Structures are given as C-alpha cells and as structure tokens.
Amino acid sequence: MEWNPRTPLSPEFRRDLDPADRRAVRLDQHDSVRSHVSEQVQAEVAQLERRLALLRQNPSPHADILTATYQRLLDRKRGFLEHWDLGRRPG
C-alpha cells in the first residue's frame, strides 16, 4: 500500500479540518474504554481477593511472601481504581 499524503494522520489533512473538528473528542469511545478498563481491573481485584482468601485458609511454606505480594498488588489495583474514579457505579 502506498503512502497517501492526504491520510487522516498527515499534517496536510489536519490543516484542512475545521479547528473544532481537530480537537473533537469522541466521548462514546472514551467511556467504552473507561468501562472496559474498570471491568478488567475489578475482575483482577476479585481474583486476587479469592487467591488471598484461599492462601490464608491453606498455609503453605511460602504463604507469607505470597500473601504480602498479593496484598501489594491489591492495594495498587484499588489505588488505580480510586485515582481514576473507576469504582463500581450504580446502574
């Protein structure tokens, strides 16, 4: 495929656009990405919580290290959800 200087990413193409169109944000795409990331991270948090519960019920030789590691991961993922306001929303 040959490069076309009139592709949407080329400066020549963007220059021809109305300034409002150049800065237009497609919120529907943003919301879908935000929703997808939120669902994915919340699923990971739930999975880590289940692993931690199992680990605490069935002690193993390296349970302390694993527990600390899983707890650190949980804290970071929860912090990410809180920082980006991606917690569960009523609906």
N, C-alpha and C. Protein backbone atom coordinates (compact mmCIF):
# COMPACT_ATOMS: atom_id res chain seq x y z
N MET A 1 0.85 -1.18 0.00
CA MET A 1 0.00 0.00 0.00
C MET A 1 0.89 1.24 0.00
N GLU A 2 0.58 2.16 -0.86
CA GLU A 2 1.36 3.38 -1.00
C GLU A 2 0.93 4.42 0.03
N TRP A 3 1.89 5.21 0.49
CA TRP A 3 1.57 6.26 1.45
C TRP A 3 0.85 7.39 0.72
N ASN A 4 -0.22 7.84 1.31
CA ASN A 4 -1.01 8.92 0.74
C ASN A 4 -0.87 10.14 1.64
N PRO A 5 -0.40 11.27 1.10
CA PRO A 5 -0.21 12.45 1.96
C PRO A 5 -1.53 13.02 2.49
N ARG A 6 -2.65 12.53 2.00
CA ARG A 6 -3.93 13.04 2.47
C ARG A 6 -4.59 12.11 3.50
N THR A 7 -3.80 11.24 4.13
CA THR A 7 -4.36 10.36 5.15
C THR A 7 -4.76 11.19 6.36
N PRO A 8 -5.69 10.70 7.17
CA PRO A 8 -6.16 11.47 8.33
C PRO A 8 -5.06 11.84 9.32
N LEU A 9 -3.95 11.13 9.33
CA LEU A 9 -2.90 11.44 10.29
C LEU A 9 -1.89 12.45 9.77
N SER A 10 -1.94 12.76 8.49
CA SER A 10 -0.94 13.67 7.93
C SER A 10 -1.25 15.11 8.32
N PRO A 11 -0.21 15.92 8.48
CA PRO A 11 -0.42 17.34 8.83
C PRO A 11 -1.26 18.07 7.78
N GLU A 12 -1.09 17.70 6.52
CA GLU A 12 -1.85 18.36 5.46
C GLU A 12 -3.35 18.12 5.64
N PHE A 13 -3.70 16.92 6.03
CA PHE A 13 -5.11 16.60 6.24
C PHE A 13 -5.65 17.37 7.45
N ARG A 14 -4.90 17.36 8.53
CA ARG A 14 -5.37 18.03 9.75
C ARG A 14 -5.49 19.53 9.54
N ARG A 15 -4.61 20.11 8.73
CA ARG A 15 -4.64 21.54 8.48
C ARG A 15 -5.95 21.93 7.79
N ASP A 16 -6.50 21.04 6.96
CA ASP A 16 -7.72 21.35 6.22
C ASP A 16 -8.97 21.22 7.08
N LEU A 17 -8.86 20.60 8.23
CA LEU A 17 -10.02 20.42 9.09
C LEU A 17 -10.38 21.69 9.83
N ASP A 18 -11.63 21.82 10.14
CA ASP A 18 -12.09 22.90 10.99
C ASP A 18 -11.43 22.73 12.36
N PRO A 19 -10.94 23.80 13.01
CA PRO A 19 -10.28 23.65 14.31
C PRO A 19 -11.11 22.90 15.34
N ALA A 20 -12.43 23.07 15.32
CA ALA A 20 -13.28 22.34 16.27
C ALA A 20 -13.23 20.84 16.00
N ASP A 21 -13.13 20.45 14.74
CA ASP A 21 -13.05 19.04 14.39
C ASP A 21 -11.71 18.44 14.79
N ARG A 22 -10.66 19.24 14.76
CA ARG A 22 -9.34 18.73 15.14
C ARG A 22 -9.28 18.38 16.61
N ARG A 23 -10.02 19.12 17.42
CA ARG A 23 -9.99 18.90 18.87
C ARG A 23 -11.17 18.08 19.37
N ALA A 24 -12.02 17.64 18.48
CA ALA A 24 -13.22 16.92 18.91
C ALA A 24 -12.84 15.62 19.60
N VAL A 25 -13.48 15.37 20.73
CA VAL A 25 -13.25 14.15 21.49
C VAL A 25 -14.48 13.27 21.34
N ARG A 26 -14.26 12.01 21.02
CA ARG A 26 -15.38 11.08 20.88
C ARG A 26 -15.61 10.43 22.24
N LEU A 27 -16.50 11.03 23.00
CA LEU A 27 -16.73 10.59 24.37
C LEU A 27 -17.27 9.17 24.45
N ASP A 28 -18.02 8.74 23.45
CA ASP A 28 -18.55 7.38 23.49
C ASP A 28 -17.40 6.37 23.49
N GLN A 29 -16.35 6.64 22.73
CA GLN A 29 -15.19 5.74 22.74
C GLN A 29 -14.47 5.83 24.08
N HIS A 30 -14.34 7.01 24.59
CA HIS A 30 -13.66 7.20 25.87
C HIS A 30 -14.39 6.43 26.97
N ASP A 31 -15.71 6.56 26.99
CA ASP A 31 -16.49 5.87 28.02
C ASP A 31 -16.39 4.36 27.88
N SER A 32 -16.35 3.87 26.64
CA SER A 32 -16.27 2.42 26.47
C SER A 32 -14.91 1.90 26.93
N VAL A 33 -13.86 2.65 26.66
CA VAL A 33 -12.53 2.25 27.11
C VAL A 33 -12.48 2.30 28.64
N ARG A 34 -13.00 3.36 29.19
CA ARG A 34 -13.02 3.53 30.64
C ARG A 34 -13.79 2.38 31.30
N SER A 35 -14.93 2.02 30.72
CA SER A 35 -15.74 0.94 31.25
C SER A 35 -14.99 -0.40 31.15
N HIS A 36 -14.34 -0.62 30.01
CA HIS A 36 -13.60 -1.87 29.82
C HIS A 36 -12.46 -2.00 30.83
N VAL A 37 -11.71 -0.93 31.00
CA VAL A 37 -10.59 -0.94 31.96
C VAL A 37 -11.12 -1.16 33.37
N SER A 38 -12.20 -0.49 33.70
CA SER A 38 -12.79 -0.65 35.03
C SER A 38 -13.21 -2.09 35.28
N GLU A 39 -13.91 -2.68 34.33
CA GLU A 39 -14.35 -4.07 34.49
C GLU A 39 -13.18 -5.02 34.61
N GLN A 40 -12.16 -4.80 33.80
CA GLN A 40 -10.98 -5.68 33.80
C GLN A 40 -10.25 -5.61 35.14
N VAL A 41 -9.99 -4.40 35.63
CA VAL A 41 -9.25 -4.25 36.88
C VAL A 41 -10.08 -4.76 38.05
N GLN A 42 -11.38 -4.52 38.03
CA GLN A 42 -12.23 -5.02 39.11
C GLN A 42 -12.26 -6.55 39.12
N ALA A 43 -12.24 -7.17 37.95
CA ALA A 43 -12.18 -8.64 37.88
C ALA A 43 -10.86 -9.14 38.44
N GLU A 44 -9.77 -8.43 38.14
CA GLU A 44 -8.46 -8.82 38.67
C GLU A 44 -8.42 -8.67 40.18
N VAL A 45 -9.04 -7.62 40.71
CA VAL A 45 -9.10 -7.41 42.16
C VAL A 45 -9.87 -8.56 42.81
N ALA A 46 -11.01 -8.93 42.23
CA ALA A 46 -11.81 -10.02 42.79
C ALA A 46 -11.03 -11.33 42.77
N GLN A 47 -10.30 -11.57 41.70
CA GLN A 47 -9.50 -12.80 41.60
C GLN A 47 -8.39 -12.81 42.65
N LEU A 48 -7.72 -11.70 42.84
CA LEU A 48 -6.67 -11.62 43.85
C LEU A 48 -7.25 -11.80 45.26
N GLU A 49 -8.44 -11.24 45.50
CA GLU A 49 -9.08 -11.41 46.81
C GLU A 49 -9.39 -12.89 47.07
N ARG A 50 -9.86 -13.60 46.04
CA ARG A 50 -10.13 -15.04 46.20
C ARG A 50 -8.84 -15.81 46.46
N ARG A 51 -7.78 -15.47 45.74
CA ARG A 51 -6.49 -16.14 45.96
C ARG A 51 -5.98 -15.90 47.37
N LEU A 52 -6.10 -14.67 47.84
CA LEU A 52 -5.66 -14.34 49.20
C LEU A 52 -6.45 -15.14 50.23
N ALA A 53 -7.76 -15.22 50.05
CA ALA A 53 -8.59 -15.97 50.99
C ALA A 53 -8.18 -17.44 51.02
N LEU A 54 -7.95 -18.03 49.86
CA LEU A 54 -7.52 -19.43 49.81
C LEU A 54 -6.15 -19.62 50.46
N LEU A 55 -5.28 -18.69 50.21
CA LEU A 55 -3.93 -18.77 50.76
C LEU A 55 -3.95 -18.69 52.28
N ARG A 56 -4.83 -17.86 52.81
CA ARG A 56 -4.94 -17.72 54.26
C ARG A 56 -5.57 -18.96 54.90
N GLN A 57 -6.43 -19.65 54.15
CA GLN A 57 -7.07 -20.86 54.67
C GLN A 57 -6.15 -22.07 54.63
N ASN A 58 -5.29 -22.13 53.63
CA ASN A 58 -4.39 -23.27 53.44
C ASN A 58 -2.94 -22.81 53.48
N PRO A 59 -2.37 -22.72 54.66
CA PRO A 59 -1.00 -22.24 54.77
C PRO A 59 -0.02 -23.14 53.99
N SER A 60 0.96 -22.50 53.41
CA SER A 60 2.00 -23.22 52.67
C SER A 60 3.35 -22.66 53.08
N PRO A 61 4.45 -23.31 52.65
CA PRO A 61 5.77 -22.84 53.08
C PRO A 61 6.06 -21.38 52.74
N HIS A 62 5.54 -20.89 51.63
CA HIS A 62 5.84 -19.51 51.21
C HIS A 62 4.61 -18.61 51.30
N ALA A 63 3.67 -18.98 52.15
CA ALA A 63 2.41 -18.23 52.24
C ALA A 63 2.61 -16.77 52.62
N ASP A 64 3.55 -16.49 53.50
CA ASP A 64 3.77 -15.10 53.94
C ASP A 64 4.22 -14.22 52.78
N ILE A 65 5.14 -14.73 51.99
CA ILE A 65 5.64 -13.96 50.84
C ILE A 65 4.53 -13.74 49.82
N LEU A 66 3.79 -14.81 49.52
CA LEU A 66 2.70 -14.71 48.55
C LEU A 66 1.60 -13.77 49.05
N THR A 67 1.27 -13.88 50.32
CA THR A 67 0.24 -13.01 50.90
C THR A 67 0.65 -11.55 50.78
N ALA A 68 1.89 -11.24 51.13
CA ALA A 68 2.37 -9.86 51.05
C ALA A 68 2.36 -9.36 49.60
N THR A 69 2.75 -10.23 48.67
CA THR A 69 2.79 -9.84 47.26
C THR A 69 1.38 -9.59 46.73
N TYR A 70 0.46 -10.51 47.02
CA TYR A 70 -0.93 -10.33 46.57
C TYR A 70 -1.55 -9.09 47.21
N GLN A 71 -1.26 -8.85 48.47
CA GLN A 71 -1.82 -7.67 49.14
C GLN A 71 -1.29 -6.39 48.51
N ARG A 72 -0.01 -6.37 48.16
CA ARG A 72 0.57 -5.20 47.49
C ARG A 72 -0.10 -4.98 46.13
N LEU A 73 -0.30 -6.05 45.37
CA LEU A 73 -1.00 -5.94 44.08
C LEU A 73 -2.42 -5.41 44.27
N LEU A 74 -3.11 -5.96 45.26
CA LEU A 74 -4.47 -5.50 45.54
C LEU A 74 -4.50 -4.00 45.87
N ASP A 75 -3.58 -3.58 46.72
CA ASP A 75 -3.52 -2.17 47.10
C ASP A 75 -3.28 -1.28 45.88
N ARG A 76 -2.39 -1.70 45.01
CA ARG A 76 -2.10 -0.90 43.81
C ARG A 76 -3.30 -0.85 42.86
N LYS A 77 -3.95 -1.98 42.67
CA LYS A 77 -5.10 -2.01 41.77
C LYS A 77 -6.26 -1.19 42.35
N ARG A 78 -6.48 -1.30 43.65
CA ARG A 78 -7.53 -0.49 44.28
C ARG A 78 -7.18 1.00 44.20
N GLY A 79 -5.91 1.33 44.39
CA GLY A 79 -5.47 2.72 44.26
C GLY A 79 -5.69 3.25 42.85
N PHE A 80 -5.42 2.41 41.85
CA PHE A 80 -5.66 2.79 40.46
C PHE A 80 -7.14 3.08 40.23
N LEU A 81 -8.00 2.18 40.72
CA LEU A 81 -9.44 2.37 40.56
C LEU A 81 -9.90 3.65 41.24
N GLU A 82 -9.38 3.90 42.44
CA GLU A 82 -9.77 5.09 43.18
C GLU A 82 -9.25 6.36 42.50
N HIS A 83 -7.97 6.33 42.09
CA HIS A 83 -7.35 7.50 41.47
C HIS A 83 -8.09 7.92 40.21
N TRP A 84 -8.48 6.96 39.40
CA TRP A 84 -9.16 7.26 38.13
C TRP A 84 -10.67 7.21 38.25
N ASP A 85 -11.18 7.12 39.48
CA ASP A 85 -12.62 7.10 39.74
C ASP A 85 -13.32 6.03 38.90
N LEU A 86 -12.78 4.81 38.98
CA LEU A 86 -13.31 3.70 38.20
C LEU A 86 -14.03 2.67 39.07
N GLY A 87 -14.40 3.06 40.28
CA GLY A 87 -15.09 2.12 41.15
C GLY A 87 -16.45 1.76 40.58
N ARG A 88 -17.07 0.81 41.21
CA ARG A 88 -18.41 0.37 40.75
C ARG A 88 -19.38 1.55 40.80
N ARG A 89 -20.16 1.65 39.76
CA ARG A 89 -21.14 2.73 39.69
C ARG A 89 -22.53 2.15 39.71
N PRO A 90 -23.44 2.80 40.40
CA PRO A 90 -24.81 2.28 40.42
C PRO A 90 -25.40 2.31 39.02
N GLY A 91 -26.17 1.29 38.71
CA GLY A 91 -26.74 1.34 37.37
C GLY A 91 -27.20 0.08 36.90
